[in-house]
Amino acid sequence: MKNRILGTNGLQVSAMGLGCMGMSFGYGHAQDKKEMIALLHAAVEKGITFFDTAECYGPFTNEELLGEALAPFRNKVVIATKFGFQNGDSTKGLDSSPASIRAVAEASLKRLNVESIDLFYQHRVDPNVPMEEVAGTVKELIQEGKVKHFGLSEAGVKSIRSAHAVQPVTAVQSEYSLWWREPELELLPALEELGIGFVPFSPLGKGFLTGKIDENTKFEKSDFRNIVPRFSAEARKANQAMVELLNTIATGKNATPAQIALAWLWAQKSWIVPIPGTTKLHRLEENIAATEVILSTDDLQQIEKAAQQIQIIGARYPEHLQKRVGK
């Protein structure tokens, strides 16, 4: 597995990370703990060094899972976690008050079984707390040795600049893939200017770009995708055009649609590190194998030309969650 650098302070991680949310939260029932520990061990053995969690995934159980599973590899891995929701509950309001940030840091350190949090993201921008206060609090935690790097998730460019001026931001996390390209408009140019790494979550379109989901797919009752407009049956049917494009490229590369989607991301910038999530070993292996797929200039031009003809249907968040992003 090749490595990439996030930010200007030398945070080196595997070119692909592992998003761990779905092991405990968001995509139906929580997975079997022993199976997920085995999957996390396999990820390390196959070269992944970058793992993404948050206190609200569970809440709390996902951090505890990683704390237990990754303890034997502590000096080999980078664990990113997040603060910013009231009582660690994403269904409640935002809270990035300095006291809350500090409390979350202390609790996360214990759950993750670490002496310092490698990368500490603000999960969502809190409009009630000035970004300078948020960044200042994390800066103090870095000075105290409790945090190593500062990150922002789903933040707008104005917030990123405000934070970066107080405490250098190492990475920004947001959705980015062939079916969600809004970051190209303002976010990516700003990150390049400031020297901040980019960590795309849902790089496979919450599973859609694997080609294994169509308009007839049924999700578990508690699966987040049930409330996502882009996952309505009508939208899934219309959006198959993007999967067909990936299939066309994949056939010529002896690859899968998911591998082409990931290879496309790596080809965009050298400081992009996607974090596809999975709970299945064969999917983990498929995603890791994508690091060996190389897209030529001609391939990328073909994808770009075809993608411009495809109109993606459906918002990526329901309205109440959309209000929390891009601030």
C-alpha atoms as a PDB file:
ATOM      1  CA  MET A   1       0.000   0.000   0.000  1.00  0.00           C
ATOM      2  CA  LYS A   2       1.389   3.403  -0.986  1.00  0.00           C
ATOM      3  CA  ASN A   3       1.242   6.286   1.470  1.00  0.00           C
ATOM      4  CA  ARG A   4       0.061   9.857   1.128  1.00  0.00           C
ATOM      5  CA  ILE A   5       0.652  12.983   3.207  1.00  0.00           C
ATOM      6  CA  LEU A   6      -2.200  15.002   4.714  1.00  0.00           C
ATOM      7  CA  GLY A   7      -1.500  18.646   5.482  1.00  0.00           C
ATOM      8  CA  THR A   8       1.841  20.377   5.859  1.00  0.00           C
ATOM      9  CA  ASN A   9       2.837  18.855   9.199  1.00  0.00           C
ATOM     10  CA  GLY A  10       3.693  15.460   7.770  1.00  0.00           C
ATOM     11  CA  LEU A  11       0.724  13.268   8.716  1.00  0.00           C
ATOM     12  CA  GLN A  12       1.516  10.152   6.673  1.00  0.00           C
ATOM     13  CA  VAL A  13      -1.291   7.655   6.100  1.00  0.00           C
ATOM     14  CA  SER A  14      -2.073   4.809   3.719  1.00  0.00           C
ATOM     15  CA  ALA A  15      -3.404   6.019   0.372  1.00  0.00           C
ATOM     16  CA  MET A  16      -6.749   4.523   1.348  1.00  0.00           C
ATOM     17  CA  GLY A  17      -8.231   4.639   4.802  1.00  0.00           C
ATOM     18  CA  LEU A  18     -11.092   2.648   6.289  1.00  0.00           C
ATOM     19  CA  GLY A  19     -14.344   4.330   7.277  1.00  0.00           C
ATOM     20  CA  CYS A  20     -15.593   2.405  10.296  1.00  0.00           C
ATOM     21  CA  MET A  21     -19.018   3.973  10.935  1.00  0.00           C
ATOM     22  CA  GLY A  22     -21.006   1.183   9.286  1.00  0.00           C
ATOM     23  CA  MET A  23     -19.583  -1.393  11.671  1.00  0.00           C
ATOM     24  CA  SER A  24     -21.687   0.102  14.464  1.00  0.00           C
ATOM     25  CA  PHE A  25     -24.091   2.658  13.052  1.00  0.00           C
ATOM     26  CA  GLY A  26     -25.867   4.172  10.078  1.00  0.00           C
ATOM     27  CA  TYR A  27     -26.340   1.243   7.703  1.00  0.00           C
ATOM     28  CA  GLY A  28     -28.630  -0.994   9.717  1.00  0.00           C
ATOM     29  CA  HIS A  29     -27.880  -3.067  12.801  1.00  0.00           C
ATOM     30  CA  ALA A  30     -24.441  -3.085  14.421  1.00  0.00           C
ATOM     31  CA  GLN A  31     -22.179  -5.858  13.156  1.00  0.00           C
ATOM     32  CA  ASP A  32     -20.784  -8.717  15.223  1.00  0.00           C
ATOM     33  CA  LYS A  33     -17.914  -7.395  17.318  1.00  0.00           C
ATOM     34  CA  LYS A  34     -15.589 -10.374  16.847  1.00  0.00           C
ATOM     35  CA  GLU A  35     -16.088 -10.246  13.074  1.00  0.00           C
ATOM     36  CA  MET A  36     -15.345  -6.523  12.973  1.00  0.00           C
ATOM     37  CA  ILE A  37     -12.190  -6.963  15.068  1.00  0.00           C
ATOM     38  CA  ALA A  38     -11.048  -9.616  12.597  1.00  0.00           C
ATOM     39  CA  LEU A  39     -11.813  -7.246   9.707  1.00  0.00           C
ATOM     40  CA  LEU A  40      -9.860  -4.413  11.329  1.00  0.00           C
ATOM     41  CA  HIS A  41      -6.905  -6.737  11.904  1.00  0.00           C
ATOM     42  CA  ALA A  42      -7.057  -7.806   8.258  1.00  0.00           C
ATOM     43  CA  ALA A  43      -7.061  -4.167   7.166  1.00  0.00           C
ATOM     44  CA  VAL A  44      -3.848  -3.506   9.095  1.00  0.00           C
ATOM     45  CA  GLU A  45      -2.232  -6.663   7.772  1.00  0.00           C
ATOM     46  CA  LYS A  46      -3.079  -5.580   4.206  1.00  0.00           C
ATOM     47  CA  GLY A  47      -1.467  -2.171   4.645  1.00  0.00           C
ATOM     48  CA  ILE A  48      -4.201   0.194   5.815  1.00  0.00           C
ATOM     49  CA  THR A  49      -2.934   2.555   8.500  1.00  0.00           C
ATOM     50  CA  PHE A  50      -5.738   5.169   8.558  1.00  0.00           C
ATOM     51  CA  PHE A  51      -9.005   4.520  10.419  1.00  0.00           C
ATOM     52  CA  ASP A  52     -11.987   6.856  10.752  1.00  0.00           C
ATOM     53  CA  THR A  53     -14.461   6.867  13.633  1.00  0.00           C
ATOM     54  CA  ALA A  54     -16.486   9.325  15.765  1.00  0.00           C
ATOM     55  CA  GLU A  55     -17.984   9.423  19.229  1.00  0.00           C
ATOM     56  CA  CYS A  56     -21.490   9.580  17.713  1.00  0.00           C
ATOM     57  CA  TYR A  57     -21.087   6.305  15.817  1.00  0.00           C
ATOM     58  CA  GLY A  58     -23.071   4.145  18.182  1.00  0.00           C
ATOM     59  CA  PRO A  59     -22.866   6.465  20.101  1.00  0.00           C
ATOM     60  CA  PHE A  60     -19.488   5.559  21.533  1.00  0.00           C
ATOM     61  CA  THR A  61     -19.390   1.866  20.557  1.00  0.00           C
ATOM     62  CA  ASN A  62     -17.416   2.430  17.356  1.00  0.00           C
ATOM     63  CA  GLU A  63     -14.599   4.187  19.204  1.00  0.00           C
ATOM     64  CA  GLU A  64     -14.573   1.378  21.760  1.00  0.00           C
ATOM     65  CA  LEU A  65     -14.383  -1.191  18.953  1.00  0.00           C
ATOM     66  CA  LEU A  66     -11.373   0.525  17.377  1.00  0.00           C
ATOM     67  CA  GLY A  67      -9.734   1.025  20.749  1.00  0.00           C
ATOM     68  CA  GLU A  68      -9.849  -2.709  21.406  1.00  0.00           C
ATOM     69  CA  ALA A  69      -9.109  -3.933  17.887  1.00  0.00           C
ATOM     70  CA  LEU A  70      -6.221  -1.601  17.098  1.00  0.00           C
ATOM     71  CA  ALA A  71      -4.447  -1.734  20.468  1.00  0.00           C
ATOM     72  CA  PRO A  72      -1.848  -4.270  19.213  1.00  0.00           C
ATOM     73  CA  PHE A  73      -0.986  -1.973  16.288  1.00  0.00           C
ATOM     74  CA  ARG A  74      -1.011   1.354  18.065  1.00  0.00           C
ATOM     75  CA  ASN A  75       2.388   2.501  16.782  1.00  0.00           C
ATOM     76  CA  LYS A  76       1.454   1.578  13.190  1.00  0.00           C
ATOM     77  CA  VAL A  77      -1.932   3.256  12.751  1.00  0.00           C
ATOM     78  CA  VAL A  78      -3.538   6.684  12.624  1.00  0.00           C
ATOM     79  CA  ILE A  79      -7.017   6.968  14.166  1.00  0.00           C
ATOM     80  CA  ALA A  80      -9.235   9.935  13.372  1.00  0.00           C
ATOM     81  CA  THR A  81     -12.255  10.737  15.528  1.00  0.00           C
ATOM     82  CA  LYS A  82     -14.687  13.640  15.871  1.00  0.00           C
ATOM     83  CA  PHE A  83     -16.446  15.987  18.293  1.00  0.00           C
ATOM     84  CA  GLY A  84     -19.352  18.354  17.912  1.00  0.00           C
ATOM     85  CA  PHE A  85     -22.739  16.824  18.825  1.00  0.00           C
ATOM     86  CA  GLN A  86     -24.591  17.196  22.122  1.00  0.00           C
ATOM     87  CA  ASN A  87     -23.781  14.203  24.306  1.00  0.00           C
ATOM     88  CA  GLY A  88     -22.249  12.450  21.315  1.00  0.00           C
ATOM     89  CA  ASP A  89     -25.689  11.989  19.754  1.00  0.00           C
ATOM     90  CA  SER A  90     -26.012  13.005  16.094  1.00  0.00           C
ATOM     91  CA  THR A  91     -29.801  13.193  16.431  1.00  0.00           C
ATOM     92  CA  LYS A  92     -29.427  16.043  18.900  1.00  0.00           C
ATOM     93  CA  GLY A  93     -28.080  19.556  18.385  1.00  0.00           C
ATOM     94  CA  LEU A  94     -24.530  20.710  17.803  1.00  0.00           C
ATOM     95  CA  ASP A  95     -22.118  21.533  20.625  1.00  0.00           C
ATOM     96  CA  SER A  96     -18.585  22.678  19.938  1.00  0.00           C
ATOM     97  CA  SER A  97     -18.231  24.730  23.097  1.00  0.00           C
ATOM     98  CA  PRO A  98     -14.683  24.623  24.494  1.00  0.00           C
ATOM     99  CA  ALA A  99     -15.866  22.667  27.538  1.00  0.00           C
ATOM    100  CA  SER A 100     -17.558  20.080  25.319  1.00  0.00           C
ATOM    101  CA  ILE A 101     -14.526  19.716  23.041  1.00  0.00           C
ATOM    102  CA  ARG A 102     -12.330  19.061  26.057  1.00  0.00           C
ATOM    103  CA  ALA A 103     -14.783  16.570  27.550  1.00  0.00           C
ATOM    104  CA  VAL A 104     -15.046  14.676  24.264  1.00  0.00           C
ATOM    105  CA  ALA A 105     -11.257  14.575  23.919  1.00  0.00           C
ATOM    106  CA  GLU A 106     -10.848  13.051  27.382  1.00  0.00           C
ATOM    107  CA  ALA A 107     -13.584  10.479  26.776  1.00  0.00           C
ATOM    108  CA  SER A 108     -12.302   9.570  23.304  1.00  0.00           C
ATOM    109  CA  LEU A 109      -8.770   9.079  24.608  1.00  0.00           C
ATOM    110  CA  LYS A 110     -10.100   6.452  27.020  1.00  0.00           C
ATOM    111  CA  ARG A 111     -12.371   4.706  24.526  1.00  0.00           C
ATOM    112  CA  LEU A 112      -9.673   4.609  21.855  1.00  0.00           C
ATOM    113  CA  ASN A 113      -7.119   3.452  24.421  1.00  0.00           C
ATOM    114  CA  VAL A 114      -4.562   6.026  23.250  1.00  0.00           C
ATOM    115  CA  GLU A 115      -2.410   8.714  24.815  1.00  0.00           C
ATOM    116  CA  SER A 116      -3.055  11.195  22.010  1.00  0.00           C
ATOM    117  CA  ILE A 117      -5.766  11.535  19.348  1.00  0.00           C
ATOM    118  CA  ASP A 118      -4.049  11.447  15.958  1.00  0.00           C
ATOM    119  CA  LEU A 119      -6.626  13.539  14.070  1.00  0.00           C
ATOM    120  CA  PHE A 120      -9.493  15.349  15.818  1.00  0.00           C
ATOM    121  CA  TYR A 121     -12.227  16.619  13.496  1.00  0.00           C
ATOM    122  CA  GLN A 122     -15.025  19.034  14.274  1.00  0.00           C
ATOM    123  CA  HIS A 123     -17.883  16.874  12.967  1.00  0.00           C
ATOM    124  CA  ARG A 124     -20.080  19.786  11.898  1.00  0.00           C
ATOM    125  CA  VAL A 125     -19.569  23.543  12.153  1.00  0.00           C
ATOM    126  CA  ASP A 126     -21.434  24.924  15.181  1.00  0.00           C
ATOM    127  CA  PRO A 127     -22.953  28.320  14.265  1.00  0.00           C
ATOM    128  CA  ASN A 128     -23.192  29.192  17.963  1.00  0.00           C
ATOM    129  CA  VAL A 129     -19.450  28.926  18.633  1.00  0.00           C
ATOM    130  CA  PRO A 130     -16.954  31.133  16.760  1.00  0.00           C
ATOM    131  CA  MET A 131     -14.550  29.006  14.717  1.00  0.00           C
ATOM    132  CA  GLU A 132     -11.658  30.866  16.326  1.00  0.00           C
ATOM    133  CA  GLU A 133     -12.763  29.461  19.711  1.00  0.00           C
ATOM    134  CA  VAL A 134     -13.041  25.933  18.327  1.00  0.00           C
ATOM    135  CA  ALA A 135      -9.613  26.093  16.686  1.00  0.00           C
ATOM    136  CA  GLY A 136      -8.141  27.732  19.761  1.00  0.00           C
ATOM    137  CA  THR A 137      -9.390  24.944  22.010  1.00  0.00           C
ATOM    138  CA  VAL A 138      -7.970  22.252  19.745  1.00  0.00           C
ATOM    139  CA  LYS A 139      -4.704  24.199  19.592  1.00  0.00           C
ATOM    140  CA  GLU A 140      -4.515  24.029  23.388  1.00  0.00           C
ATOM    141  CA  LEU A 141      -5.194  20.282  23.289  1.00  0.00           C
ATOM    142  CA  ILE A 142      -2.366  19.904  20.771  1.00  0.00           C
ATOM    143  CA  GLN A 143      -0.041  21.890  23.025  1.00  0.00           C
ATOM    144  CA  GLU A 144      -1.043  19.619  25.921  1.00  0.00           C
ATOM    145  CA  GLY A 145      -0.206  16.532  23.860  1.00  0.00           C
ATOM    146  CA  LYS A 146      -3.766  15.189  23.864  1.00  0.00           C
ATOM    147  CA  VAL A 147      -4.302  15.774  20.130  1.00  0.00           C
ATOM    148  CA  LYS A 148      -1.802  15.666  17.251  1.00  0.00           C
ATOM    149  CA  HIS A 149      -3.731  17.097  14.277  1.00  0.00           C
ATOM    150  CA  PHE A 150      -6.848  19.227  13.720  1.00  0.00           C
ATOM    151  CA  GLY A 151      -9.501  18.496  11.111  1.00  0.00           C
ATOM    152  CA  LEU A 152     -12.892  19.743   9.936  1.00  0.00           C
ATOM    153  CA  SER A 153     -15.779  17.740   8.509  1.00  0.00           C
ATOM    154  CA  GLU A 154     -18.312  19.155   6.016  1.00  0.00           C
ATOM    155  CA  ALA A 155     -17.079  22.704   6.647  1.00  0.00           C
ATOM    156  CA  GLY A 156     -17.371  25.589   4.210  1.00  0.00           C
ATOM    157  CA  VAL A 157     -14.363  27.484   2.877  1.00  0.00           C
ATOM    158  CA  LYS A 158     -14.938  30.508   5.138  1.00  0.00           C
ATOM    159  CA  SER A 159     -14.891  28.326   8.256  1.00  0.00           C
ATOM    160  CA  ILE A 160     -11.816  26.466   7.035  1.00  0.00           C
ATOM    161  CA  ARG A 161      -9.919  29.707   6.524  1.00  0.00           C
ATOM    162  CA  SER A 162     -10.956  31.016   9.959  1.00  0.00           C
ATOM    163  CA  ALA A 163      -9.845  27.811  11.663  1.00  0.00           C
ATOM    164  CA  HIS A 164      -6.604  27.501   9.720  1.00  0.00           C
ATOM    165  CA  ALA A 165      -5.556  31.005  10.731  1.00  0.00           C
ATOM    166  CA  VAL A 166      -5.651  29.958  14.418  1.00  0.00           C
ATOM    167  CA  GLN A 167      -4.504  26.331  14.238  1.00  0.00           C
ATOM    168  CA  PRO A 168      -3.288  24.759  10.970  1.00  0.00           C
ATOM    169  CA  VAL A 169      -5.890  22.326   9.670  1.00  0.00           C
ATOM    170  CA  THR A 170      -4.366  19.020   8.567  1.00  0.00           C
ATOM    171  CA  ALA A 171      -7.380  17.535   6.805  1.00  0.00           C
ATOM    172  CA  VAL A 172     -10.913  18.337   5.734  1.00  0.00           C
ATOM    173  CA  GLN A 173     -13.430  15.554   5.334  1.00  0.00           C
ATOM    174  CA  SER A 174     -16.446  15.711   3.052  1.00  0.00           C
ATOM    175  CA  GLU A 175     -18.307  13.612   0.538  1.00  0.00           C
ATOM    176  CA  TYR A 176     -16.658  13.424  -2.882  1.00  0.00           C
ATOM    177  CA  SER A 177     -17.040  10.963  -5.728  1.00  0.00           C
ATOM    178  CA  LEU A 178     -18.039  10.793  -9.353  1.00  0.00           C
ATOM    179  CA  TRP A 179     -21.632  11.319  -8.296  1.00  0.00           C
ATOM    180  CA  TRP A 180     -20.974  14.198  -5.875  1.00  0.00           C
ATOM    181  CA  ARG A 181     -18.484  16.687  -7.324  1.00  0.00           C
ATOM    182  CA  GLU A 182     -19.434  19.926  -5.621  1.00  0.00           C
ATOM    183  CA  PRO A 183     -16.089  20.059  -3.719  1.00  0.00           C
ATOM    184  CA  GLU A 184     -14.379  20.827  -7.034  1.00  0.00           C
ATOM    185  CA  LEU A 185     -16.019  24.268  -7.183  1.00  0.00           C
ATOM    186  CA  GLU A 186     -14.578  25.987  -4.089  1.00  0.00           C
ATOM    187  CA  LEU A 187     -13.342  23.446  -1.571  1.00  0.00           C
ATOM    188  CA  LEU A 188     -10.526  21.713  -3.457  1.00  0.00           C
ATOM    189  CA  PRO A 189      -8.959  24.967  -4.730  1.00  0.00           C
ATOM    190  CA  ALA A 190      -8.966  26.369  -1.179  1.00  0.00           C
ATOM    191  CA  LEU A 191      -7.429  23.215   0.285  1.00  0.00           C
ATOM    192  CA  GLU A 192      -4.706  23.229  -2.365  1.00  0.00           C
ATOM    193  CA  GLU A 193      -3.939  26.877  -1.621  1.00  0.00           C
ATOM    194  CA  LEU A 194      -3.752  26.269   2.135  1.00  0.00           C
ATOM    195  CA  GLY A 195      -1.910  22.945   2.024  1.00  0.00           C
ATOM    196  CA  ILE A 196      -4.720  20.957   3.644  1.00  0.00           C
ATOM    197  CA  GLY A 197      -5.355  17.292   2.853  1.00  0.00           C
ATOM    198  CA  PHE A 198      -8.742  16.046   1.696  1.00  0.00           C
ATOM    199  CA  VAL A 199     -10.450  12.898   3.012  1.00  0.00           C
ATOM    200  CA  PRO A 200     -13.486  11.948   0.911  1.00  0.00           C
ATOM    201  CA  PHE A 201     -16.058   9.877   2.728  1.00  0.00           C
ATOM    202  CA  SER A 202     -18.663   7.897   0.768  1.00  0.00           C
ATOM    203  CA  PRO A 203     -16.219   7.659  -2.177  1.00  0.00           C
ATOM    204  CA  LEU A 204     -18.393   4.847  -3.514  1.00  0.00           C
ATOM    205  CA  GLY A 205     -21.612   6.832  -3.211  1.00  0.00           C
ATOM    206  CA  LYS A 206     -22.750   5.047  -0.026  1.00  0.00           C
ATOM    207  CA  GLY A 207     -22.435   1.795  -1.928  1.00  0.00           C
ATOM    208  CA  PHE A 208     -24.244   2.870  -5.090  1.00  0.00           C
ATOM    209  CA  LEU A 209     -21.136   3.043  -7.278  1.00  0.00           C
ATOM    210  CA  THR A 210     -20.316  -0.605  -6.589  1.00  0.00           C
ATOM    211  CA  GLY A 211     -23.074  -1.548  -9.020  1.00  0.00           C
ATOM    212  CA  LYS A 212     -24.750  -3.779  -6.422  1.00  0.00           C
ATOM    213  CA  ILE A 213     -27.695  -1.433  -5.750  1.00  0.00           C
ATOM    214  CA  ASP A 214     -30.639  -0.788  -8.068  1.00  0.00           C
ATOM    215  CA  GLU A 215     -34.208   0.514  -7.802  1.00  0.00           C
ATOM    216  CA  ASN A 216     -35.378  -2.805  -6.339  1.00  0.00           C
ATOM    217  CA  THR A 217     -32.844  -2.922  -3.492  1.00  0.00           C
ATOM    218  CA  LYS A 218     -34.416  -2.953  -0.022  1.00  0.00           C
ATOM    219  CA  PHE A 219     -32.527  -1.421   2.919  1.00  0.00           C
ATOM    220  CA  GLU A 220     -32.840  -2.340   6.582  1.00  0.00           C
ATOM    221  CA  LYS A 221     -35.329  -0.192   8.504  1.00  0.00           C
ATOM    222  CA  SER A 222     -32.570   1.646  10.405  1.00  0.00           C
ATOM    223  CA  ASP A 223     -30.402   2.196   7.308  1.00  0.00           C
ATOM    224  CA  PHE A 224     -29.661   5.906   6.823  1.00  0.00           C
ATOM    225  CA  ARG A 225     -30.127   5.596   3.063  1.00  0.00           C
ATOM    226  CA  ASN A 226     -33.891   5.219   3.532  1.00  0.00           C
ATOM    227  CA  ILE A 227     -34.151   8.985   4.151  1.00  0.00           C
ATOM    228  CA  VAL A 228     -31.647  10.100   1.494  1.00  0.00           C
ATOM    229  CA  PRO A 229     -33.410  11.575  -1.593  1.00  0.00           C
ATOM    230  CA  ARG A 230     -30.673  10.224  -3.862  1.00  0.00           C
ATOM    231  CA  PHE A 231     -31.653   6.727  -2.748  1.00  0.00           C
ATOM    232  CA  SER A 232     -35.325   6.909  -3.651  1.00  0.00           C
ATOM    233  CA  ALA A 233     -36.262   4.136  -6.085  1.00  0.00           C
ATOM    234  CA  GLU A 234     -36.759   6.666  -8.888  1.00  0.00           C
ATOM    235  CA  ALA A 235     -33.359   8.286  -8.284  1.00  0.00           C
ATOM    236  CA  ARG A 236     -31.595   4.932  -8.110  1.00  0.00           C
ATOM    237  CA  LYS A 237     -33.089   3.949 -11.433  1.00  0.00           C
ATOM    238  CA  ALA A 238     -32.077   7.223 -13.089  1.00  0.00           C
ATOM    239  CA  ASN A 239     -28.589   7.206 -11.585  1.00  0.00           C
ATOM    240  CA  GLN A 240     -27.682   3.787 -12.979  1.00  0.00           C
ATOM    241  CA  ALA A 241     -26.172   5.696 -15.894  1.00  0.00           C
ATOM    242  CA  MET A 242     -23.152   6.512 -13.719  1.00  0.00           C
ATOM    243  CA  VAL A 243     -22.704   2.856 -12.796  1.00  0.00           C
ATOM    244  CA  GLU A 244     -22.921   1.910 -16.469  1.00  0.00           C
ATOM    245  CA  LEU A 245     -20.126   4.376 -17.222  1.00  0.00           C
ATOM    246  CA  LEU A 246     -17.943   2.841 -14.499  1.00  0.00           C
ATOM    247  CA  ASN A 247     -18.742  -0.624 -15.821  1.00  0.00           C
ATOM    248  CA  THR A 248     -17.618   0.375 -19.301  1.00  0.00           C
ATOM    249  CA  ILE A 249     -14.231   1.582 -18.031  1.00  0.00           C
ATOM    250  CA  ALA A 250     -13.884  -1.345 -15.631  1.00  0.00           C
ATOM    251  CA  THR A 251     -14.345  -3.931 -18.368  1.00  0.00           C
ATOM    252  CA  GLY A 252     -11.330  -2.585 -20.233  1.00  0.00           C
ATOM    253  CA  LYS A 253      -9.208  -2.557 -17.090  1.00  0.00           C
ATOM    254  CA  ASN A 254     -10.153  -5.984 -15.735  1.00  0.00           C
ATOM    255  CA  ALA A 255     -11.465  -4.127 -12.706  1.00  0.00           C
ATOM    256  CA  THR A 256     -14.766  -3.506 -10.899  1.00  0.00           C
ATOM    257  CA  PRO A 257     -16.877  -0.319 -10.954  1.00  0.00           C
ATOM    258  CA  ALA A 258     -15.879   0.379  -7.340  1.00  0.00           C
ATOM    259  CA  GLN A 259     -12.192   0.126  -8.213  1.00  0.00           C
ATOM    260  CA  ILE A 260     -12.586   2.596 -11.083  1.00  0.00           C
ATOM    261  CA  ALA A 261     -14.469   5.016  -8.810  1.00  0.00           C
ATOM    262  CA  LEU A 262     -11.624   4.900  -6.268  1.00  0.00           C
ATOM    263  CA  ALA A 263      -8.882   5.114  -8.905  1.00  0.00           C
ATOM    264  CA  TRP A 264     -10.594   8.204 -10.309  1.00  0.00           C
ATOM    265  CA  LEU A 265     -10.396   9.871  -6.884  1.00  0.00           C
ATOM    266  CA  TRP A 266      -6.693   9.133  -6.444  1.00  0.00           C
ATOM    267  CA  ALA A 267      -6.034  10.587  -9.891  1.00  0.00           C
ATOM    268  CA  GLN A 268      -7.550  13.954  -8.961  1.00  0.00           C
ATOM    269  CA  LYS A 269      -4.970  15.151  -6.389  1.00  0.00           C
ATOM    270  CA  SER A 270      -1.960  13.628  -4.649  1.00  0.00           C
ATOM    271  CA  TRP A 271      -3.305  14.759  -1.264  1.00  0.00           C
ATOM    272  CA  ILE A 272      -6.669  12.978  -1.486  1.00  0.00           C
ATOM    273  CA  VAL A 273      -7.166   9.936   0.785  1.00  0.00           C
ATOM    274  CA  PRO A 274     -10.591   8.275   0.416  1.00  0.00           C
ATOM    275  CA  ILE A 275     -12.044   6.271   3.297  1.00  0.00           C
ATOM    276  CA  PRO A 276     -14.503   3.742   1.865  1.00  0.00           C
ATOM    277  CA  GLY A 277     -16.338   1.851   4.573  1.00  0.00           C
ATOM    278  CA  THR A 278     -17.171  -1.834   4.565  1.00  0.00           C
ATOM    279  CA  THR A 279     -18.071  -4.658   6.910  1.00  0.00           C
ATOM    280  CA  LYS A 280     -17.065  -7.425   4.474  1.00  0.00           C
ATOM    281  CA  LEU A 281     -13.585  -8.832   3.906  1.00  0.00           C
ATOM    282  CA  HIS A 282     -14.067  -9.370   0.168  1.00  0.00           C
ATOM    283  CA  ARG A 283     -15.094  -5.721  -0.248  1.00  0.00           C
ATOM    284  CA  LEU A 284     -12.067  -4.604   1.767  1.00  0.00           C
ATOM    285  CA  GLU A 285      -9.817  -6.661  -0.508  1.00  0.00           C
ATOM    286  CA  GLU A 286     -11.544  -5.288  -3.615  1.00  0.00           C
ATOM    287  CA  ASN A 287     -11.044  -1.715  -2.429  1.00  0.00           C
ATOM    288  CA  ILE A 288      -7.399  -2.279  -1.526  1.00  0.00           C
ATOM    289  CA  ALA A 289      -6.770  -3.807  -4.963  1.00  0.00           C
ATOM    290  CA  ALA A 290      -8.056  -0.545  -6.456  1.00  0.00           C
ATOM    291  CA  THR A 291      -4.784   1.100  -5.419  1.00  0.00           C
ATOM    292  CA  GLU A 292      -3.141  -0.868  -8.246  1.00  0.00           C
ATOM    293  CA  VAL A 293      -5.583   0.380 -10.900  1.00  0.00           C
ATOM    294  CA  ILE A 294      -4.038   3.173 -12.948  1.00  0.00           C
ATOM    295  CA  LEU A 295      -6.195   5.434 -15.101  1.00  0.00           C
ATOM    296  CA  SER A 296      -4.418   7.006 -18.072  1.00  0.00           C
ATOM    297  CA  THR A 297      -5.002  10.545 -19.275  1.00  0.00           C
ATOM    298  CA  ASP A 298      -7.185   9.080 -22.013  1.00  0.00           C
ATOM    299  CA  ASP A 299      -9.185   7.089 -19.466  1.00  0.00           C
ATOM    300  CA  LEU A 300      -9.755  10.184 -17.349  1.00  0.00           C
ATOM    301  CA  GLN A 301     -10.788  12.227 -20.371  1.00  0.00           C
ATOM    302  CA  GLN A 302     -13.220   9.503 -21.419  1.00  0.00           C
ATOM    303  CA  ILE A 303     -14.738   9.406 -17.936  1.00  0.00           C
ATOM    304  CA  GLU A 304     -14.982  13.196 -17.798  1.00  0.00           C
ATOM    305  CA  LYS A 305     -16.639  13.485 -21.194  1.00  0.00           C
ATOM    306  CA  ALA A 306     -19.180  10.794 -20.391  1.00  0.00           C
ATOM    307  CA  ALA A 307     -19.847  12.046 -16.857  1.00  0.00           C
ATOM    308  CA  GLN A 308     -20.721  15.497 -18.159  1.00  0.00           C
ATOM    309  CA  GLN A 309     -23.619  13.929 -20.048  1.00  0.00           C
ATOM    310  CA  ILE A 310     -25.057  12.309 -16.924  1.00  0.00           C
ATOM    311  CA  GLN A 311     -27.416  14.213 -14.664  1.00  0.00           C
ATOM    312  CA  ILE A 312     -27.415  12.797 -11.153  1.00  0.00           C
ATOM    313  CA  ILE A 313     -30.880  12.823  -9.592  1.00  0.00           C
ATOM    314  CA  GLY A 314     -31.634  13.458  -5.912  1.00  0.00           C
ATOM    315  CA  ALA A 315     -30.094  15.458  -3.047  1.00  0.00           C
ATOM    316  CA  ARG A 316     -27.337  13.790  -1.039  1.00  0.00           C
ATOM    317  CA  TYR A 317     -28.967  14.676   2.303  1.00  0.00           C
ATOM    318  CA  PRO A 318     -32.540  15.229   3.463  1.00  0.00           C
ATOM    319  CA  GLU A 319     -33.212  18.916   4.108  1.00  0.00           C
ATOM    320  CA  HIS A 320     -32.774  18.853   7.903  1.00  0.00           C
ATOM    321  CA  LEU A 321     -29.278  17.361   7.569  1.00  0.00           C
ATOM    322  CA  GLN A 322     -28.308  19.520   4.602  1.00  0.00           C
ATOM    323  CA  LYS A 323     -28.613  22.538   6.881  1.00  0.00           C
ATOM    324  CA  ARG A 324     -25.608  21.276   8.866  1.00  0.00           C
ATOM    325  CA  VAL A 325     -23.105  21.187   6.011  1.00  0.00           C
ATOM    326  CA  GLY A 326     -21.004  23.750   4.183  1.00  0.00           C
ATOM    327  CA  LYS A 327     -21.095  26.338   6.967  1.00  0.00           C
END
